[in-house]
Amino acid sequence: MYNDTNLIYILTILEAIEKIKIYSDGFETADDFFWANQQLNFNGTLNLLIAIGEESKKIDAKLKQEFPDMKWKEIAGMRDRLAHDYRGIDPNIVWSVIGSELEKLKEIAIKMLERIDFKQELLLEAINTRFFAHLSYLKNS
């Protein structure tokens, strides 16, 4: 079992994924997503992808090693790229990540929770806050 400090990192990743789903819902193409709402949805998503990358760096390395199919270095690398090369961001890559990688990361993050030693009350306290409002599905796990 892994330390409960990993819990907050994983919950933050899961909440970011849920918000990205909301922000990207209803768009057919990367171009539509990029230009919608004065780029509000796109820029919000970039910030959340940065958060995912940053939090992934904090998760216990041994815990991440239990999930070798997840591209942990690429997640961290994307965070660095998004944070430092705003003008060079390709919306097609962001759109591809949303469509093909986030659901897999969500599944792995949920499985990671099973390997963390934490009190259920701590999880419930966290997901009952407004910050983690989209994680109510974890109440049953």
C-alpha atoms as a PDB file:
ATOM      1  CA  MET A   1       0.000   0.000   0.000  1.00  0.00           C
ATOM      2  CA  TYR A   2       1.093   3.524  -0.759  1.00  0.00           C
ATOM      3  CA  ASN A   3       1.005   6.659   1.359  1.00  0.00           C
ATOM      4  CA  ASP A   4      -2.205   8.696   1.441  1.00  0.00           C
ATOM      5  CA  THR A   5      -0.406  11.788   0.137  1.00  0.00           C
ATOM      6  CA  ASN A   6      -0.903  10.232  -3.296  1.00  0.00           C
ATOM      7  CA  LEU A   7      -4.665  10.564  -2.830  1.00  0.00           C
ATOM      8  CA  ILE A   8      -4.830  14.310  -3.431  1.00  0.00           C
ATOM      9  CA  TYR A   9      -2.687  14.067  -6.560  1.00  0.00           C
ATOM     10  CA  ILE A  10      -4.906  11.379  -8.044  1.00  0.00           C
ATOM     11  CA  LEU A  11      -8.119  13.160  -7.096  1.00  0.00           C
ATOM     12  CA  THR A  12      -6.820  16.331  -8.753  1.00  0.00           C
ATOM     13  CA  ILE A  13      -6.049  14.373 -11.920  1.00  0.00           C
ATOM     14  CA  LEU A  14      -9.504  12.804 -11.914  1.00  0.00           C
ATOM     15  CA  GLU A  15     -11.246  16.152 -11.378  1.00  0.00           C
ATOM     16  CA  ALA A  16      -9.212  17.719 -14.190  1.00  0.00           C
ATOM     17  CA  ILE A  17     -10.244  14.892 -16.518  1.00  0.00           C
ATOM     18  CA  GLU A  18     -13.907  15.393 -15.661  1.00  0.00           C
ATOM     19  CA  LYS A  19     -13.685  19.139 -16.282  1.00  0.00           C
ATOM     20  CA  ILE A  20     -11.899  18.591 -19.601  1.00  0.00           C
ATOM     21  CA  LYS A  21     -14.772  16.330 -20.644  1.00  0.00           C
ATOM     22  CA  ILE A  22     -17.198  19.144 -19.859  1.00  0.00           C
ATOM     23  CA  TYR A  23     -15.122  21.779 -21.648  1.00  0.00           C
ATOM     24  CA  SER A  24     -14.643  19.657 -24.776  1.00  0.00           C
ATOM     25  CA  ASP A  25     -18.141  18.185 -25.024  1.00  0.00           C
ATOM     26  CA  GLY A  26     -20.073  18.871 -28.194  1.00  0.00           C
ATOM     27  CA  PHE A  27     -17.183  19.758 -30.459  1.00  0.00           C
ATOM     28  CA  GLU A  28     -16.585  17.752 -33.605  1.00  0.00           C
ATOM     29  CA  THR A  29     -13.069  18.843 -34.519  1.00  0.00           C
ATOM     30  CA  ALA A  30      -9.921  20.227 -32.973  1.00  0.00           C
ATOM     31  CA  ASP A  31     -10.460  23.433 -34.912  1.00  0.00           C
ATOM     32  CA  ASP A  32     -14.005  23.872 -33.574  1.00  0.00           C
ATOM     33  CA  PHE A  33     -12.756  23.270 -30.042  1.00  0.00           C
ATOM     34  CA  PHE A  34      -9.795  25.601 -30.458  1.00  0.00           C
ATOM     35  CA  TRP A  35     -11.816  28.603 -31.658  1.00  0.00           C
ATOM     36  CA  ALA A  36     -14.956  28.194 -29.531  1.00  0.00           C
ATOM     37  CA  ASN A  37     -15.851  30.819 -26.920  1.00  0.00           C
ATOM     38  CA  GLN A  38     -12.852  33.050 -27.606  1.00  0.00           C
ATOM     39  CA  GLN A  39     -10.672  29.971 -26.877  1.00  0.00           C
ATOM     40  CA  LEU A  40     -12.040  29.772 -23.337  1.00  0.00           C
ATOM     41  CA  ASN A  41     -12.661  26.019 -23.507  1.00  0.00           C
ATOM     42  CA  PHE A  42      -9.286  25.373 -25.093  1.00  0.00           C
ATOM     43  CA  ASN A  43      -7.338  27.530 -22.645  1.00  0.00           C
ATOM     44  CA  GLY A  44      -9.172  26.035 -19.672  1.00  0.00           C
ATOM     45  CA  THR A  45      -8.286  22.593 -20.963  1.00  0.00           C
ATOM     46  CA  LEU A  46      -4.624  23.547 -21.346  1.00  0.00           C
ATOM     47  CA  ASN A  47      -4.530  24.639 -17.726  1.00  0.00           C
ATOM     48  CA  LEU A  48      -6.089  21.349 -16.636  1.00  0.00           C
ATOM     49  CA  LEU A  49      -3.636  19.329 -18.741  1.00  0.00           C
ATOM     50  CA  ILE A  50      -0.818  21.237 -17.061  1.00  0.00           C
ATOM     51  CA  ALA A  51      -2.331  20.323 -13.685  1.00  0.00           C
ATOM     52  CA  ILE A  52      -2.552  16.656 -14.700  1.00  0.00           C
ATOM     53  CA  GLY A  53       1.099  16.661 -15.733  1.00  0.00           C
ATOM     54  CA  GLU A  54       2.205  18.406 -12.564  1.00  0.00           C
ATOM     55  CA  GLU A  55       0.239  16.104 -10.271  1.00  0.00           C
ATOM     56  CA  SER A  56       1.470  13.027 -12.143  1.00  0.00           C
ATOM     57  CA  LYS A  57       5.041  14.042 -11.304  1.00  0.00           C
ATOM     58  CA  LYS A  58       4.169  13.946  -7.588  1.00  0.00           C
ATOM     59  CA  ILE A  59       2.686  10.444  -7.503  1.00  0.00           C
ATOM     60  CA  ASP A  60       4.951   7.869  -5.888  1.00  0.00           C
ATOM     61  CA  ALA A  61       7.272   6.515  -8.585  1.00  0.00           C
ATOM     62  CA  LYS A  62       6.767   2.913  -7.467  1.00  0.00           C
ATOM     63  CA  LEU A  63       3.009   3.314  -7.714  1.00  0.00           C
ATOM     64  CA  LYS A  64       3.366   4.600 -11.270  1.00  0.00           C
ATOM     65  CA  GLN A  65       5.628   1.644 -12.091  1.00  0.00           C
ATOM     66  CA  GLU A  66       2.690  -0.645 -11.350  1.00  0.00           C
ATOM     67  CA  PHE A  67       1.016   0.874 -14.416  1.00  0.00           C
ATOM     68  CA  PRO A  68       3.696   0.723 -17.116  1.00  0.00           C
ATOM     69  CA  ASP A  69       1.154   1.063 -19.941  1.00  0.00           C
ATOM     70  CA  MET A  70       0.564   4.682 -18.972  1.00  0.00           C
ATOM     71  CA  LYS A  71       3.016   7.069 -20.599  1.00  0.00           C
ATOM     72  CA  TRP A  72       4.026   8.913 -17.421  1.00  0.00           C
ATOM     73  CA  LYS A  73       7.042  10.652 -18.965  1.00  0.00           C
ATOM     74  CA  GLU A  74       4.936  11.869 -21.871  1.00  0.00           C
ATOM     75  CA  ILE A  75       2.297  13.239 -19.485  1.00  0.00           C
ATOM     76  CA  ALA A  76       4.964  15.199 -17.610  1.00  0.00           C
ATOM     77  CA  GLY A  77       6.572  16.248 -20.882  1.00  0.00           C
ATOM     78  CA  MET A  78       3.288  17.531 -22.248  1.00  0.00           C
ATOM     79  CA  ARG A  79       2.855  19.590 -19.092  1.00  0.00           C
ATOM     80  CA  ASP A  80       6.245  21.183 -19.647  1.00  0.00           C
ATOM     81  CA  ARG A  81       5.514  21.852 -23.308  1.00  0.00           C
ATOM     82  CA  LEU A  82       2.121  23.412 -22.581  1.00  0.00           C
ATOM     83  CA  ALA A  83       3.517  25.573 -19.801  1.00  0.00           C
ATOM     84  CA  HIS A  84       6.512  26.855 -21.740  1.00  0.00           C
ATOM     85  CA  ASP A  85       5.502  26.938 -25.412  1.00  0.00           C
ATOM     86  CA  TYR A  86       2.016  28.452 -25.555  1.00  0.00           C
ATOM     87  CA  ARG A  87       2.299  29.673 -29.138  1.00  0.00           C
ATOM     88  CA  GLY A  88       3.637  26.327 -30.313  1.00  0.00           C
ATOM     89  CA  ILE A  89       0.739  24.239 -29.048  1.00  0.00           C
ATOM     90  CA  ASP A  90      -0.913  22.167 -31.741  1.00  0.00           C
ATOM     91  CA  PRO A  91      -4.682  21.984 -31.076  1.00  0.00           C
ATOM     92  CA  ASN A  92      -4.812  18.689 -32.985  1.00  0.00           C
ATOM     93  CA  ILE A  93      -2.483  17.073 -30.454  1.00  0.00           C
ATOM     94  CA  VAL A  94      -4.542  18.425 -27.551  1.00  0.00           C
ATOM     95  CA  TRP A  95      -7.722  17.159 -29.213  1.00  0.00           C
ATOM     96  CA  SER A  96      -6.134  13.750 -29.771  1.00  0.00           C
ATOM     97  CA  VAL A  97      -5.091  13.516 -26.115  1.00  0.00           C
ATOM     98  CA  ILE A  98      -8.630  14.383 -25.034  1.00  0.00           C
ATOM     99  CA  GLY A  99     -10.118  11.767 -27.317  1.00  0.00           C
ATOM    100  CA  SER A 100      -7.704   8.903 -26.863  1.00  0.00           C
ATOM    101  CA  GLU A 101      -5.712   9.230 -23.645  1.00  0.00           C
ATOM    102  CA  LEU A 102      -7.801  10.759 -20.863  1.00  0.00           C
ATOM    103  CA  GLU A 103     -10.218   7.867 -20.407  1.00  0.00           C
ATOM    104  CA  LYS A 104      -7.312   5.452 -20.067  1.00  0.00           C
ATOM    105  CA  LEU A 105      -5.666   7.753 -17.510  1.00  0.00           C
ATOM    106  CA  LYS A 106      -8.952   7.955 -15.603  1.00  0.00           C
ATOM    107  CA  GLU A 107      -9.213   4.156 -15.436  1.00  0.00           C
ATOM    108  CA  ILE A 108      -5.638   3.848 -14.191  1.00  0.00           C
ATOM    109  CA  ALA A 109      -6.061   6.649 -11.651  1.00  0.00           C
ATOM    110  CA  ILE A 110      -9.111   4.888 -10.200  1.00  0.00           C
ATOM    111  CA  LYS A 111      -7.144   1.633  -9.978  1.00  0.00           C
ATOM    112  CA  MET A 112      -4.344   3.523  -8.228  1.00  0.00           C
ATOM    113  CA  LEU A 113      -6.757   4.541  -5.494  1.00  0.00           C
ATOM    114  CA  GLU A 114      -7.103   0.858  -4.589  1.00  0.00           C
ATOM    115  CA  ARG A 115      -3.373   0.742  -3.832  1.00  0.00           C
ATOM    116  CA  ILE A 116      -3.308   3.764  -1.536  1.00  0.00           C
ATOM    117  CA  ASP A 117      -3.714   3.439   2.216  1.00  0.00           C
ATOM    118  CA  PHE A 118      -6.226   6.120   3.193  1.00  0.00           C
ATOM    119  CA  LYS A 119      -9.253   6.442   5.408  1.00  0.00           C
ATOM    120  CA  GLN A 120     -12.545   6.438   3.540  1.00  0.00           C
ATOM    121  CA  GLU A 121     -13.563   9.531   5.505  1.00  0.00           C
ATOM    122  CA  LEU A 122     -10.664  11.430   3.931  1.00  0.00           C
ATOM    123  CA  LEU A 123     -11.870  10.537   0.454  1.00  0.00           C
ATOM    124  CA  LEU A 124     -15.453  11.480   1.287  1.00  0.00           C
ATOM    125  CA  GLU A 125     -14.371  14.760   2.822  1.00  0.00           C
ATOM    126  CA  ALA A 126     -12.414  15.642  -0.307  1.00  0.00           C
ATOM    127  CA  ILE A 127     -15.069  14.704  -2.858  1.00  0.00           C
ATOM    128  CA  ASN A 128     -17.738  16.555  -0.896  1.00  0.00           C
ATOM    129  CA  THR A 129     -15.919  19.842  -1.490  1.00  0.00           C
ATOM    130  CA  ARG A 130     -16.734  22.094  -4.419  1.00  0.00           C
ATOM    131  CA  PHE A 131     -13.221  21.600  -5.787  1.00  0.00           C
ATOM    132  CA  PHE A 132     -13.834  17.905  -6.425  1.00  0.00           C
ATOM    133  CA  ALA A 133     -17.512  18.282  -7.322  1.00  0.00           C
ATOM    134  CA  HIS A 134     -17.327  15.958 -10.326  1.00  0.00           C
ATOM    135  CA  LEU A 135     -16.006  12.913  -8.457  1.00  0.00           C
ATOM    136  CA  SER A 136     -19.175  11.744  -6.729  1.00  0.00           C
ATOM    137  CA  TYR A 137     -18.827   8.425  -8.583  1.00  0.00           C
ATOM    138  CA  LEU A 138     -15.978   7.608  -6.177  1.00  0.00           C
ATOM    139  CA  LYS A 139     -18.364   7.448  -3.200  1.00  0.00           C
ATOM    140  CA  ASN A 140     -19.238   3.906  -4.181  1.00  0.00           C
ATOM    141  CA  SER A 141     -15.668   2.715  -4.679  1.00  0.00           C
END
